[in-house]
PDB file of N, CA and C in Angstrom:
ATOM      1  N   MET A   1      93.151 100.500  93.196  1.00  0.00           N
ATOM      2  CA  MET A   1      93.559  99.343  94.238  1.00  0.00           C
ATOM      3  C   MET A   1      91.896  99.936  94.741  1.00  0.00           C
ATOM      4  N   SER A   2      91.900  98.593  95.733  1.00  0.00           N
ATOM      5  CA  SER A   2      89.911  98.886  96.626  1.00  0.00           C
ATOM      6  C   SER A   2      90.943  98.678  97.820  1.00  0.00           C
ATOM      7  N   GLU A   3      89.997  99.193  99.143  1.00  0.00           N
ATOM      8  CA  GLU A   3      90.907  98.799 100.258  1.00  0.00           C
ATOM      9  C   GLU A   3      90.652  97.767 100.526  1.00  0.00           C
ATOM     10  N   ASP A   4      91.439  96.815 101.046  1.00  0.00           N
ATOM     11  CA  ASP A   4      91.547  95.964 101.070  1.00  0.00           C
ATOM     12  C   ASP A   4      92.271  95.686 102.731  1.00  0.00           C
ATOM     13  N   SER A   5      92.310  94.146 102.959  1.00  0.00           N
ATOM     14  CA  SER A   5      93.977  93.427 104.484  1.00  0.00           C
ATOM     15  C   SER A   5      95.245  93.258 103.493  1.00  0.00           C
ATOM     16  N   THR A   6      95.241  93.593 102.518  1.00  0.00           N
ATOM     17  CA  THR A   6      96.406  93.355 101.765  1.00  0.00           C
ATOM     18  C   THR A   6      97.021  95.262 101.253  1.00  0.00           C
ATOM     19  N   THR A   7      96.142  95.942 101.598  1.00  0.00           N
ATOM     20  CA  THR A   7      97.154  97.761 101.203  1.00  0.00           C
ATOM     21  C   THR A   7      96.920  98.241 102.387  1.00  0.00           C
ATOM     22  N   VAL A   8      98.793  98.831 102.733  1.00  0.00           N
ATOM     23  CA  VAL A   8      99.221  99.032 103.079  1.00  0.00           C
ATOM     24  C   VAL A   8      99.560 100.259 103.470  1.00  0.00           C
ATOM     25  N   LYS A   9      99.128 101.175 103.803  1.00  0.00           N
ATOM     26  CA  LYS A   9      99.036 102.483 104.975  1.00  0.00           C
ATOM     27  C   LYS A   9     100.385 103.036 105.927  1.00  0.00           C
ATOM     28  N   ALA A  10     100.488 104.364 105.067  1.00  0.00           N
ATOM     29  CA  ALA A  10     101.557 104.935 105.778  1.00  0.00           C
ATOM     30  C   ALA A  10     101.317 106.136 106.933  1.00  0.00           C
ATOM     31  N   TYR A  11     101.768 106.407 107.208  1.00  0.00           N
ATOM     32  CA  TYR A  11     101.325 106.694 108.595  1.00  0.00           C
ATOM     33  C   TYR A  11     102.744 108.129 109.511  1.00  0.00           C
ATOM     34  N   VAL A  12     102.774 109.323 108.500  1.00  0.00           N
ATOM     35  CA  VAL A  12     104.591 110.189 109.235  1.00  0.00           C
ATOM     36  C   VAL A  12     103.516 111.116 109.535  1.00  0.00           C
ATOM     37  N   SER A  13     104.051 110.947 111.324  1.00  0.00           N
ATOM     38  CA  SER A  13     103.148 112.587 112.790  1.00  0.00           C
ATOM     39  C   SER A  13     105.008 112.940 112.643  1.00  0.00           C
ATOM     40  N   LEU A  14     104.608 114.175 112.936  1.00  0.00           N
ATOM     41  CA  LEU A  14     105.815 115.167 113.682  1.00  0.00           C
ATOM     42  C   LEU A  14     105.128 116.395 114.442  1.00  0.00           C
ATOM     43  N   SER A  15     105.550 115.713 115.767  1.00  0.00           N
ATOM     44  CA  SER A  15     105.124 116.515 116.725  1.00  0.00           C
ATOM     45  C   SER A  15     106.150 116.594 117.470  1.00  0.00           C
ATOM     46  N   PHE A  16     105.325 117.138 118.458  1.00  0.00           N
ATOM     47  CA  PHE A  16     106.916 118.573 120.040  1.00  0.00           C
ATOM     48  C   PHE A  16     106.682 117.204 120.648  1.00  0.00           C
ATOM     49  N   ALA A  17     108.042 117.082 121.312  1.00  0.00           N
ATOM     50  CA  ALA A  17     108.387 115.993 122.764  1.00  0.00           C
ATOM     51  C   ALA A  17     107.601 116.390 124.073  1.00  0.00           C
ATOM     52  N   ASP A  18     107.293 115.967 124.847  1.00  0.00           N
ATOM     53  CA  ASP A  18     106.359 116.646 126.314  1.00  0.00           C
ATOM     54  C   ASP A  18     107.367 116.800 127.120  1.00  0.00           C
ATOM     55  N   THR A  19     108.475 117.540 126.811  1.00  0.00           N
ATOM     56  CA  THR A  19     109.937 117.553 128.106  1.00  0.00           C
ATOM     57  C   THR A  19     110.125 119.080 127.836  1.00  0.00           C
ATOM     58  N   GLU A  20     110.798 119.717 128.030  1.00  0.00           N
ATOM     59  CA  GLU A  20     111.218 120.983 128.238  1.00  0.00           C
ATOM     60  C   GLU A  20     111.968 121.417 127.673  1.00  0.00           C
ATOM     61  N   GLU A  21     112.439 120.664 126.578  1.00  0.00           N
ATOM     62  CA  GLU A  21     112.915 121.731 125.584  1.00  0.00           C
ATOM     63  C   GLU A  21     111.868 121.498 124.374  1.00  0.00           C
ATOM     64  N   ALA A  22     110.642 120.334 124.585  1.00  0.00           N
ATOM     65  CA  ALA A  22     110.028 120.772 122.958  1.00  0.00           C
ATOM     66  C   ALA A  22     110.784 120.318 121.898  1.00  0.00           C
ATOM     67  N   LEU A  23     111.135 119.788 121.441  1.00  0.00           N
ATOM     68  CA  LEU A  23     112.304 119.294 120.542  1.00  0.00           C
ATOM     69  C   LEU A  23     110.955 118.447 119.546  1.00  0.00           C
ATOM     70  N   LEU A  24     111.455 118.637 117.823  1.00  0.00           N
ATOM     71  CA  LEU A  24     110.750 118.074 117.634  1.00  0.00           C
ATOM     72  C   LEU A  24     111.323 116.653 116.809  1.00  0.00           C
ATOM     73  N   THR A  25     109.290 115.389 117.269  1.00  0.00           N
ATOM     74  CA  THR A  25     109.743 114.432 117.209  1.00  0.00           C
ATOM     75  C   THR A  25     109.346 113.107 115.717  1.00  0.00           C
ATOM     76  N   SER A  26     109.842 112.368 115.267  1.00  0.00           N
ATOM     77  CA  SER A  26     108.813 112.665 114.450  1.00  0.00           C
ATOM     78  C   SER A  26     108.914 110.403 114.402  1.00  0.00           C
ATOM     79  N   ASN A  27     107.479 110.056 113.736  1.00  0.00           N
ATOM     80  CA  ASN A  27     107.080 108.284 112.926  1.00  0.00           C
ATOM     81  C   ASN A  27     106.715 108.287 112.991  1.00  0.00           C
ATOM     82  N   VAL A  28     107.545 106.833 112.290  1.00  0.00           N
ATOM     83  CA  VAL A  28     106.301 106.004 110.823  1.00  0.00           C
ATOM     84  C   VAL A  28     106.237 105.098 111.471  1.00  0.00           C
ATOM     85  N   THR A  29     104.886 104.731 110.733  1.00  0.00           N
ATOM     86  CA  THR A  29     103.877 103.343 111.018  1.00  0.00           C
ATOM     87  C   THR A  29     103.179 102.924 109.570  1.00  0.00           C
ATOM     88  N   PHE A  30     103.445 101.724 109.406  1.00  0.00           N
ATOM     89  CA  PHE A  30     103.406 101.435 108.504  1.00  0.00           C
ATOM     90  C   PHE A  30     102.126  99.873 108.722  1.00  0.00           C
ATOM     91  N   CYS A  31     100.884  99.924 108.058  1.00  0.00           N
ATOM     92  CA  CYS A  31      99.983  99.321 108.847  1.00  0.00           C
ATOM     93  C   CYS A  31      98.941  98.877 107.501  1.00  0.00           C
ATOM     94  N   THR A  32      97.904  97.426 107.760  1.00  0.00           N
ATOM     95  CA  THR A  32      96.614  96.792 106.602  1.00  0.00           C
ATOM     96  C   THR A  32      95.944  97.384 107.516  1.00  0.00           C
ATOM     97  N   SER A  33      94.556  97.282 107.275  1.00  0.00           N
ATOM     98  CA  SER A  33      93.645  97.429 107.574  1.00  0.00           C
ATOM     99  C   SER A  33      93.019  96.603 107.667  1.00  0.00           C
ATOM    100  N   LEU A  34      92.214  95.414 108.628  1.00  0.00           N
ATOM    101  CA  LEU A  34      91.958  94.426 109.472  1.00  0.00           C
ATOM    102  C   LEU A  34      90.368  95.029 109.696  1.00  0.00           C
ATOM    103  N   PRO A  35      89.527  94.248 109.494  1.00  0.00           N
ATOM    104  CA  PRO A  35      88.179  94.410 109.521  1.00  0.00           C
ATOM    105  C   PRO A  35      87.891  94.166 111.166  1.00  0.00           C
ATOM    106  N   ASP A  36      88.587  93.120 111.549  1.00  0.00           N
ATOM    107  CA  ASP A  36      87.956  92.948 112.669  1.00  0.00           C
ATOM    108  C   ASP A  36      89.227  94.003 113.892  1.00  0.00           C
ATOM    109  N   VAL A  37      89.411  95.059 113.683  1.00  0.00           N
ATOM    110  CA  VAL A  37      90.305  95.880 113.791  1.00  0.00           C
ATOM    111  C   VAL A  37      90.588  97.212 114.130  1.00  0.00           C
ATOM    112  N   ARG A  38      89.991  97.846 115.470  1.00  0.00           N
ATOM    113  CA  ARG A  38      90.552  99.065 115.064  1.00  0.00           C
ATOM    114  C   ARG A  38      91.332 100.339 113.966  1.00  0.00           C
ATOM    115  N   PRO A  39      91.219 101.462 113.456  1.00  0.00           N
ATOM    116  CA  PRO A  39      92.122 101.718 112.276  1.00  0.00           C
ATOM    117  C   PRO A  39      93.011 101.688 114.147  1.00  0.00           C
ATOM    118  N   TYR A  40      94.310 102.627 112.674  1.00  0.00           N
ATOM    119  CA  TYR A  40      95.536 103.408 113.632  1.00  0.00           C
ATOM    120  C   TYR A  40      95.143 105.210 114.018  1.00  0.00           C
ATOM    121  N   ILE A  41      94.372 105.187 113.272  1.00  0.00           N
ATOM    122  CA  ILE A  41      93.871 106.311 114.051  1.00  0.00           C
ATOM    123  C   ILE A  41      92.528 106.704 113.285  1.00  0.00           C
ATOM    124  N   ARG A  42      91.397 106.796 114.348  1.00  0.00           N
ATOM    125  CA  ARG A  42      90.057 106.463 113.743  1.00  0.00           C
ATOM    126  C   ARG A  42      90.056 108.137 112.813  1.00  0.00           C
ATOM    127  N   ASP A  43      90.201 109.556 113.480  1.00  0.00           N
ATOM    128  CA  ASP A  43      89.661 110.283 113.389  1.00  0.00           C
ATOM    129  C   ASP A  43      90.808 110.655 112.618  1.00  0.00           C
ATOM    130  N   LEU A  44      91.454 111.123 111.955  1.00  0.00           N
ATOM    131  CA  LEU A  44      92.631 111.651 110.994  1.00  0.00           C
ATOM    132  C   LEU A  44      92.242 113.391 111.390  1.00  0.00           C
ATOM    133  N   GLU A  45      91.607 113.625 110.744  1.00  0.00           N
ATOM    134  CA  GLU A  45      91.622 115.124 110.479  1.00  0.00           C
ATOM    135  C   GLU A  45      90.461 116.028 112.047  1.00  0.00           C
ATOM    136  N   ALA A  46      91.090 114.513 113.056  1.00  0.00           N
ATOM    137  CA  ALA A  46      90.348 115.163 114.666  1.00  0.00           C
ATOM    138  C   ALA A  46      92.017 115.701 114.933  1.00  0.00           C
ATOM    139  N   VAL A  47      92.879 115.278 114.660  1.00  0.00           N
ATOM    140  CA  VAL A  47      93.800 115.011 115.534  1.00  0.00           C
ATOM    141  C   VAL A  47      94.439 116.655 115.389  1.00  0.00           C
ATOM    142  N   THR A  48      94.526 117.244 116.200  1.00  0.00           N
ATOM    143  CA  THR A  48      95.588 118.649 116.707  1.00  0.00           C
ATOM    144  C   THR A  48      96.972 118.165 117.784  1.00  0.00           C
ATOM    145  N   ASP A  49      97.123 117.545 117.919  1.00  0.00           N
ATOM    146  CA  ASP A  49      98.270 117.517 119.069  1.00  0.00           C
ATOM    147  C   ASP A  49      99.816 116.711 117.991  1.00  0.00           C
ATOM    148  N   ALA A  50      99.119 116.730 116.667  1.00  0.00           N
ATOM    149  CA  ALA A  50     100.575 116.914 115.567  1.00  0.00           C
ATOM    150  C   ALA A  50     100.303 116.782 114.811  1.00  0.00           C
ATOM    151  N   ALA A  51     101.581 116.805 113.047  1.00  0.00           N
ATOM    152  CA  ALA A  51     100.702 116.303 112.194  1.00  0.00           C
ATOM    153  C   ALA A  51     100.613 115.388 111.439  1.00  0.00           C
ATOM    154  N   VAL A  52     100.255 114.656 111.110  1.00  0.00           N
ATOM    155  CA  VAL A  52      99.874 113.474 110.371  1.00  0.00           C
ATOM    156  C   VAL A  52      99.050 113.571 108.648  1.00  0.00           C
ATOM    157  N   ALA A  53      99.786 112.854 108.231  1.00  0.00           N
ATOM    158  CA  ALA A  53     100.154 112.218 106.894  1.00  0.00           C
ATOM    159  C   ALA A  53      99.745 110.972 107.092  1.00  0.00           C
ATOM    160  N   GLU A  54      99.246 110.594 106.123  1.00  0.00           N
ATOM    161  CA  GLU A  54      98.469 108.675 106.185  1.00  0.00           C
ATOM    162  C   GLU A  54      98.958 108.936 104.656  1.00  0.00           C
ATOM    163  N   ILE A  55      99.586 107.989 103.805  1.00  0.00           N
ATOM    164  CA  ILE A  55      99.927 108.158 102.723  1.00  0.00           C
ATOM    165  C   ILE A  55      99.559 106.249 101.714  1.00  0.00           C
ATOM    166  N   SER A  56      99.811 106.504 100.430  1.00  0.00           N
ATOM    167  CA  SER A  56      98.951 104.884 100.415  1.00  0.00           C
ATOM    168  C   SER A  56      99.625 105.038  99.060  1.00  0.00           C
ATOM    169  N   LEU A  57      99.831 103.737  98.005  1.00  0.00           N
ATOM    170  CA  LEU A  57     100.068 103.473  97.269  1.00  0.00           C
ATOM    171  C   LEU A  57      98.927 104.622  96.535  1.00  0.00           C
ATOM    172  N   GLU A  58      98.374 104.445  96.257  1.00  0.00           N
ATOM    173  CA  GLU A  58      97.593 105.223  95.959  1.00  0.00           C
ATOM    174  C   GLU A  58      97.569 106.504  95.437  1.00  0.00           C
ATOM    175  N   ASP A  59      98.408 107.290  96.500  1.00  0.00           N
ATOM    176  CA  ASP A  59      98.817 108.619  96.715  1.00  0.00           C
ATOM    177  C   ASP A  59      99.875 108.465  95.757  1.00  0.00           C
ATOM    178  N   CYS A  60     100.651 108.007  95.187  1.00  0.00           N
ATOM    179  CA  CYS A  60     101.741 107.632  94.481  1.00  0.00           C
ATOM    180  C   CYS A  60     101.228 107.405  92.981  1.00  0.00           C
ATOM    181  N   PRO A  61     101.462 107.587  92.392  1.00  0.00           N
ATOM    182  CA  PRO A  61     101.064 106.906  90.738  1.00  0.00           C
ATOM    183  C   PRO A  61     102.189 106.728  90.473  1.00  0.00           C
ATOM    184  N   ALA A  62     103.145 107.552  90.402  1.00  0.00           N
ATOM    185  CA  ALA A  62     103.806 107.356  89.366  1.00  0.00           C
ATOM    186  C   ALA A  62     104.851 105.890  89.727  1.00  0.00           C
ATOM    187  N   TRP A  63     104.757 104.822  91.864  1.00  0.00           N
ATOM    188  CA  TRP A  63     104.831 104.129  91.927  1.00  0.00           C
ATOM    189  C   TRP A  63     104.113 102.857  90.812  1.00  0.00           C
ATOM    190  N   SER A  64     102.364 102.819  90.846  1.00  0.00           N
ATOM    191  CA  SER A  64     102.086 101.651  90.814  1.00  0.00           C
ATOM    192  C   SER A  64     101.940 101.846  88.931  1.00  0.00           C
TER     193      SER A  64
END
């Protein structure tokens, strides 16, 4: 499957909340790539304040 505006990616992140308790927080965001819109995370490899995974259908061959 080639990358186009119909390809959905999920971004799963884990990080510590910026509170005294430093609770572990998580977030899941689904989005598509659009040619005139900046990506959800521009440089995924440079993220240092959270654990982030980018997942697409191509990562799950059993589902295709």
